[in-house]
Amino acid sequence: MIPFKTLPPEVQAQLRDAYAKEMETQAKTCSLDEKITRFNAWLAPQGVSFDLDDLPRRK
């Protein structure tokens, strides 16, 4: 599995956009853990992994 944070920024943006479109019809959640779980499950078939360490950090 390729860690999400190692992908080029434009690929990350494409994946986030595609995921957002996919999730428009799904039940919403406020849980960060659930959001990460869902995104990781969606990315897995594409050979990409995502976890808490992939989230951007405030500077």
PDB file of N, CA and C in Angstrom:
ATOM      1  N   MET A   1       0.835  -1.183   0.000  1.00  0.00           N
ATOM      2  CA  MET A   1       0.000   0.000   0.000  1.00  0.00           C
ATOM      3  C   MET A   1       0.881   1.248   0.000  1.00  0.00           C
ATOM      4  N   ILE A   2       0.472   2.200  -0.775  1.00  0.00           N
ATOM      5  CA  ILE A   2       1.185   3.471  -0.867  1.00  0.00           C
ATOM      6  C   ILE A   2       0.564   4.446   0.141  1.00  0.00           C
ATOM      7  N   PRO A   3       1.359   5.017   1.038  1.00  0.00           N
ATOM      8  CA  PRO A   3       0.815   5.999   1.981  1.00  0.00           C
ATOM      9  C   PRO A   3       0.318   7.243   1.228  1.00  0.00           C
ATOM     10  N   PHE A   4      -0.862   7.697   1.579  1.00  0.00           N
ATOM     11  CA  PHE A   4      -1.489   8.839   0.929  1.00  0.00           C
ATOM     12  C   PHE A   4      -0.564  10.050   0.906  1.00  0.00           C
ATOM     13  N   LYS A   5       0.115  10.314   2.028  1.00  0.00           N
ATOM     14  CA  LYS A   5       0.940  11.522   2.123  1.00  0.00           C
ATOM     15  C   LYS A   5       2.151  11.498   1.190  1.00  0.00           C
ATOM     16  N   THR A   6       2.487  10.333   0.635  1.00  0.00           N
ATOM     17  CA  THR A   6       3.631  10.272  -0.281  1.00  0.00           C
ATOM     18  C   THR A   6       3.218  10.526  -1.731  1.00  0.00           C
ATOM     19  N   LEU A   7       1.925  10.597  -1.985  1.00  0.00           N
ATOM     20  CA  LEU A   7       1.442  10.871  -3.337  1.00  0.00           C
ATOM     21  C   LEU A   7       1.640  12.346  -3.672  1.00  0.00           C
ATOM     22  N   PRO A   8       1.849  12.672  -4.945  1.00  0.00           N
ATOM     23  CA  PRO A   8       1.959  14.083  -5.336  1.00  0.00           C
ATOM     24  C   PRO A   8       0.674  14.841  -4.971  1.00  0.00           C
ATOM     25  N   PRO A   9       0.787  16.119  -4.640  1.00  0.00           N
ATOM     26  CA  PRO A   9      -0.386  16.906  -4.233  1.00  0.00           C
ATOM     27  C   PRO A   9      -1.541  16.863  -5.234  1.00  0.00           C
ATOM     28  N   GLU A  10      -1.235  16.856  -6.525  1.00  0.00           N
ATOM     29  CA  GLU A  10      -2.324  16.837  -7.511  1.00  0.00           C
ATOM     30  C   GLU A  10      -3.069  15.495  -7.496  1.00  0.00           C
ATOM     31  N   VAL A  11      -2.368  14.404  -7.215  1.00  0.00           N
ATOM     32  CA  VAL A  11      -3.011  13.090  -7.117  1.00  0.00           C
ATOM     33  C   VAL A  11      -3.858  13.038  -5.844  1.00  0.00           C
ATOM     34  N   GLN A  12      -3.343  13.577  -4.748  1.00  0.00           N
ATOM     35  CA  GLN A  12      -4.114  13.637  -3.512  1.00  0.00           C
ATOM     36  C   GLN A  12      -5.414  14.400  -3.740  1.00  0.00           C
ATOM     37  N   ALA A  13      -5.333  15.531  -4.426  1.00  0.00           N
ATOM     38  CA  ALA A  13      -6.521  16.346  -4.702  1.00  0.00           C
ATOM     39  C   ALA A  13      -7.521  15.585  -5.570  1.00  0.00           C
ATOM     40  N   GLN A  14      -7.033  14.883  -6.569  1.00  0.00           N
ATOM     41  CA  GLN A  14      -7.927  14.099  -7.435  1.00  0.00           C
ATOM     42  C   GLN A  14      -8.651  13.021  -6.638  1.00  0.00           C
ATOM     43  N   LEU A  15      -7.925  12.346  -5.771  1.00  0.00           N
ATOM     44  CA  LEU A  15      -8.537  11.305  -4.945  1.00  0.00           C
ATOM     45  C   LEU A  15      -9.564  11.890  -3.971  1.00  0.00           C
ATOM     46  N   ARG A  16      -9.219  13.015  -3.343  1.00  0.00           N
ATOM     47  CA  ARG A  16     -10.171  13.652  -2.420  1.00  0.00           C
ATOM     48  C   ARG A  16     -11.432  14.083  -3.153  1.00  0.00           C
ATOM     49  N   ASP A  17     -11.288  14.640  -4.357  1.00  0.00           N
ATOM     50  CA  ASP A  17     -12.452  15.077  -5.137  1.00  0.00           C
ATOM     51  C   ASP A  17     -13.331  13.894  -5.527  1.00  0.00           C
ATOM     52  N   ALA A  18     -12.716  12.819  -5.991  1.00  0.00           N
ATOM     53  CA  ALA A  18     -13.477  11.622  -6.379  1.00  0.00           C
ATOM     54  C   ALA A  18     -14.188  11.035  -5.169  1.00  0.00           C
ATOM     55  N   TYR A  19     -13.513  11.020  -4.032  1.00  0.00           N
ATOM     56  CA  TYR A  19     -14.118  10.490  -2.812  1.00  0.00           C
ATOM     57  C   TYR A  19     -15.301  11.354  -2.378  1.00  0.00           C
ATOM     58  N   ALA A  20     -15.143  12.668  -2.448  1.00  0.00           N
ATOM     59  CA  ALA A  20     -16.221  13.577  -2.052  1.00  0.00           C
ATOM     60  C   ALA A  20     -17.471  13.336  -2.897  1.00  0.00           C
ATOM     61  N   LYS A  21     -17.299  13.140  -4.184  1.00  0.00           N
ATOM     62  CA  LYS A  21     -18.442  12.857  -5.057  1.00  0.00           C
ATOM     63  C   LYS A  21     -19.103  11.543  -4.678  1.00  0.00           C
ATOM     64  N   GLU A  22     -18.299  10.553  -4.365  1.00  0.00           N
ATOM     65  CA  GLU A  22     -18.808   9.247  -3.962  1.00  0.00           C
ATOM     66  C   GLU A  22     -19.601   9.346  -2.653  1.00  0.00           C
ATOM     67  N   MET A  23     -19.143  10.179  -1.736  1.00  0.00           N
ATOM     68  CA  MET A  23     -19.751  10.271  -0.416  1.00  0.00           C
ATOM     69  C   MET A  23     -20.973  11.186  -0.372  1.00  0.00           C
ATOM     70  N   GLU A  24     -21.258  11.910  -1.448  1.00  0.00           N
ATOM     71  CA  GLU A  24     -22.416  12.812  -1.458  1.00  0.00           C
ATOM     72  C   GLU A  24     -23.720  12.081  -1.159  1.00  0.00           C
ATOM     73  N   THR A  25     -23.787  10.820  -1.514  1.00  0.00           N
ATOM     74  CA  THR A  25     -25.017  10.053  -1.310  1.00  0.00           C
ATOM     75  C   THR A  25     -24.983   9.206  -0.036  1.00  0.00           C
ATOM     76  N   GLN A  26     -23.892   9.253   0.699  1.00  0.00           N
ATOM     77  CA  GLN A  26     -23.745   8.433   1.903  1.00  0.00           C
ATOM     78  C   GLN A  26     -24.162   9.218   3.149  1.00  0.00           C
ATOM     79  N   ALA A  27     -24.423   8.495   4.224  1.00  0.00           N
ATOM     80  CA  ALA A  27     -24.762   9.124   5.499  1.00  0.00           C
ATOM     81  C   ALA A  27     -23.581   9.936   6.001  1.00  0.00           C
ATOM     82  N   LYS A  28     -23.866  11.107   6.519  1.00  0.00           N
ATOM     83  CA  LYS A  28     -22.825  11.992   7.047  1.00  0.00           C
ATOM     84  C   LYS A  28     -22.399  11.536   8.442  1.00  0.00           C
ATOM     85  N   THR A  29     -21.172  11.917   8.823  1.00  0.00           N
ATOM     86  CA  THR A  29     -20.685  11.631  10.169  1.00  0.00           C
ATOM     87  C   THR A  29     -19.796  12.783  10.626  1.00  0.00           C
ATOM     88  N   CYS A  30     -19.795  13.035  11.909  1.00  0.00           N
ATOM     89  CA  CYS A  30     -18.914  14.052  12.491  1.00  0.00           C
ATOM     90  C   CYS A  30     -17.666  13.408  13.092  1.00  0.00           C
ATOM     91  N   SER A  31     -17.668  12.098  13.209  1.00  0.00           N
ATOM     92  CA  SER A  31     -16.568  11.374  13.838  1.00  0.00           C
ATOM     93  C   SER A  31     -15.342  11.356  12.925  1.00  0.00           C
ATOM     94  N   LEU A  32     -14.250  11.929  13.408  1.00  0.00           N
ATOM     95  CA  LEU A  32     -13.010  11.917  12.632  1.00  0.00           C
ATOM     96  C   LEU A  32     -12.531  10.492  12.405  1.00  0.00           C
ATOM     97  N   ASP A  33     -12.650   9.657  13.414  1.00  0.00           N
ATOM     98  CA  ASP A  33     -12.249   8.253  13.267  1.00  0.00           C
ATOM     99  C   ASP A  33     -13.045   7.568  12.161  1.00  0.00           C
ATOM    100  N   GLU A  34     -14.349   7.803  12.131  1.00  0.00           N
ATOM    101  CA  GLU A  34     -15.197   7.197  11.103  1.00  0.00           C
ATOM    102  C   GLU A  34     -14.849   7.745   9.715  1.00  0.00           C
ATOM    103  N   LYS A  35     -14.575   9.030   9.640  1.00  0.00           N
ATOM    104  CA  LYS A  35     -14.202   9.626   8.354  1.00  0.00           C
ATOM    105  C   LYS A  35     -12.908   9.008   7.824  1.00  0.00           C
ATOM    106  N   ILE A  36     -11.925   8.819   8.703  1.00  0.00           N
ATOM    107  CA  ILE A  36     -10.657   8.215   8.305  1.00  0.00           C
ATOM    108  C   ILE A  36     -10.872   6.763   7.887  1.00  0.00           C
ATOM    109  N   THR A  37     -11.689   6.045   8.647  1.00  0.00           N
ATOM    110  CA  THR A  37     -11.982   4.642   8.325  1.00  0.00           C
ATOM    111  C   THR A  37     -12.630   4.527   6.952  1.00  0.00           C
ATOM    112  N   ARG A  38     -13.618   5.378   6.681  1.00  0.00           N
ATOM    113  CA  ARG A  38     -14.306   5.348   5.388  1.00  0.00           C
ATOM    114  C   ARG A  38     -13.363   5.694   4.233  1.00  0.00           C
ATOM    115  N   PHE A  39     -12.563   6.739   4.412  1.00  0.00           N
ATOM    116  CA  PHE A  39     -11.645   7.153   3.351  1.00  0.00           C
ATOM    117  C   PHE A  39     -10.614   6.065   3.087  1.00  0.00           C
ATOM    118  N   ASN A  40     -10.080   5.478   4.150  1.00  0.00           N
ATOM    119  CA  ASN A  40      -9.096   4.408   4.008  1.00  0.00           C
ATOM    120  C   ASN A  40      -9.706   3.203   3.292  1.00  0.00           C
ATOM    121  N   ALA A  41     -10.934   2.859   3.633  1.00  0.00           N
ATOM    122  CA  ALA A  41     -11.611   1.732   2.980  1.00  0.00           C
ATOM    123  C   ALA A  41     -11.838   2.026   1.497  1.00  0.00           C
ATOM    124  N   TRP A  42     -12.147   3.271   1.167  1.00  0.00           N
ATOM    125  CA  TRP A  42     -12.363   3.657  -0.220  1.00  0.00           C
ATOM    126  C   TRP A  42     -11.047   3.636  -1.005  1.00  0.00           C
ATOM    127  N   LEU A  43      -9.956   4.036  -0.363  1.00  0.00           N
ATOM    128  CA  LEU A  43      -8.646   4.083  -1.026  1.00  0.00           C
ATOM    129  C   LEU A  43      -8.011   2.700  -1.191  1.00  0.00           C
ATOM    130  N   ALA A  44      -8.294   1.782  -0.292  1.00  0.00           N
ATOM    131  CA  ALA A  44      -7.624   0.479  -0.268  1.00  0.00           C
ATOM    132  C   ALA A  44      -7.647  -0.254  -1.608  1.00  0.00           C
ATOM    133  N   PRO A  45      -8.775  -0.343  -2.306  1.00  0.00           N
ATOM    134  CA  PRO A  45      -8.768  -1.051  -3.589  1.00  0.00           C
ATOM    135  C   PRO A  45      -7.858  -0.402  -4.643  1.00  0.00           C
ATOM    136  N   GLN A  46      -7.478   0.842  -4.391  1.00  0.00           N
ATOM    137  CA  GLN A  46      -6.600   1.563  -5.302  1.00  0.00           C
ATOM    138  C   GLN A  46      -5.131   1.452  -4.886  1.00  0.00           C
ATOM    139  N   GLY A  47      -4.882   0.675  -3.818  1.00  0.00           N
ATOM    140  CA  GLY A  47      -3.517   0.455  -3.359  1.00  0.00           C
ATOM    141  C   GLY A  47      -2.948   1.593  -2.534  1.00  0.00           C
ATOM    142  N   VAL A  48      -3.835   2.408  -1.956  1.00  0.00           N
ATOM    143  CA  VAL A  48      -3.407   3.573  -1.168  1.00  0.00           C
ATOM    144  C   VAL A  48      -3.930   3.412   0.257  1.00  0.00           C
ATOM    145  N   SER A  49      -3.109   3.800   1.221  1.00  0.00           N
ATOM    146  CA  SER A  49      -3.523   3.757   2.621  1.00  0.00           C
ATOM    147  C   SER A  49      -3.582   5.177   3.185  1.00  0.00           C
ATOM    148  N   PHE A  50      -4.418   5.361   4.178  1.00  0.00           N
ATOM    149  CA  PHE A  50      -4.575   6.666   4.821  1.00  0.00           C
ATOM    150  C   PHE A  50      -4.796   6.417   6.299  1.00  0.00           C
ATOM    151  N   ASP A  51      -4.113   7.208   7.135  1.00  0.00           N
ATOM    152  CA  ASP A  51      -4.349   7.119   8.571  1.00  0.00           C
ATOM    153  C   ASP A  51      -4.176   8.482   9.202  1.00  0.00           C
ATOM    154  N   LEU A  52      -4.279   8.545  10.485  1.00  0.00           N
ATOM    155  CA  LEU A  52      -4.223   9.812  11.216  1.00  0.00           C
ATOM    156  C   LEU A  52      -2.949  10.597  10.907  1.00  0.00           C
ATOM    157  N   ASP A  53      -1.846   9.921  10.668  1.00  0.00           N
ATOM    158  CA  ASP A  53      -0.580  10.593  10.370  1.00  0.00           C
ATOM    159  C   ASP A  53      -0.599  11.303   9.017  1.00  0.00           C
ATOM    160  N   ASP A  54      -1.558  10.968   8.153  1.00  0.00           N
ATOM    161  CA  ASP A  54      -1.651  11.593   6.843  1.00  0.00           C
ATOM    162  C   ASP A  54      -2.387  12.937   6.889  1.00  0.00           C
ATOM    163  N   LEU A  55      -3.024  13.239   8.006  1.00  0.00           N
ATOM    164  CA  LEU A  55      -3.725  14.509   8.119  1.00  0.00           C
ATOM    165  C   LEU A  55      -2.721  15.652   8.200  1.00  0.00           C
ATOM    166  N   PRO A  56      -3.027  16.780   7.558  1.00  0.00           N
ATOM    167  CA  PRO A  56      -2.104  17.916   7.655  1.00  0.00           C
ATOM    168  C   PRO A  56      -2.065  18.448   9.088  1.00  0.00           C
ATOM    169  N   ARG A  57      -0.929  18.931   9.481  1.00  0.00           N
ATOM    170  CA  ARG A  57      -0.746  19.478  10.834  1.00  0.00           C
ATOM    171  C   ARG A  57      -0.713  20.999  10.763  1.00  0.00           C
ATOM    172  N   ARG A  58      -1.275  21.608  11.788  1.00  0.00           N
ATOM    173  CA  ARG A  58      -1.202  23.068  11.878  1.00  0.00           C
ATOM    174  C   ARG A  58       0.212  23.478  12.223  1.00  0.00           C
ATOM    175  N   LYS A  59       0.601  24.611  11.692  1.00  0.00           N
ATOM    176  CA  LYS A  59       1.962  25.105  11.963  1.00  0.00           C
ATOM    177  C   LYS A  59       1.944  26.221  12.962  1.00  0.00           C
TER     178      LYS A  59
END
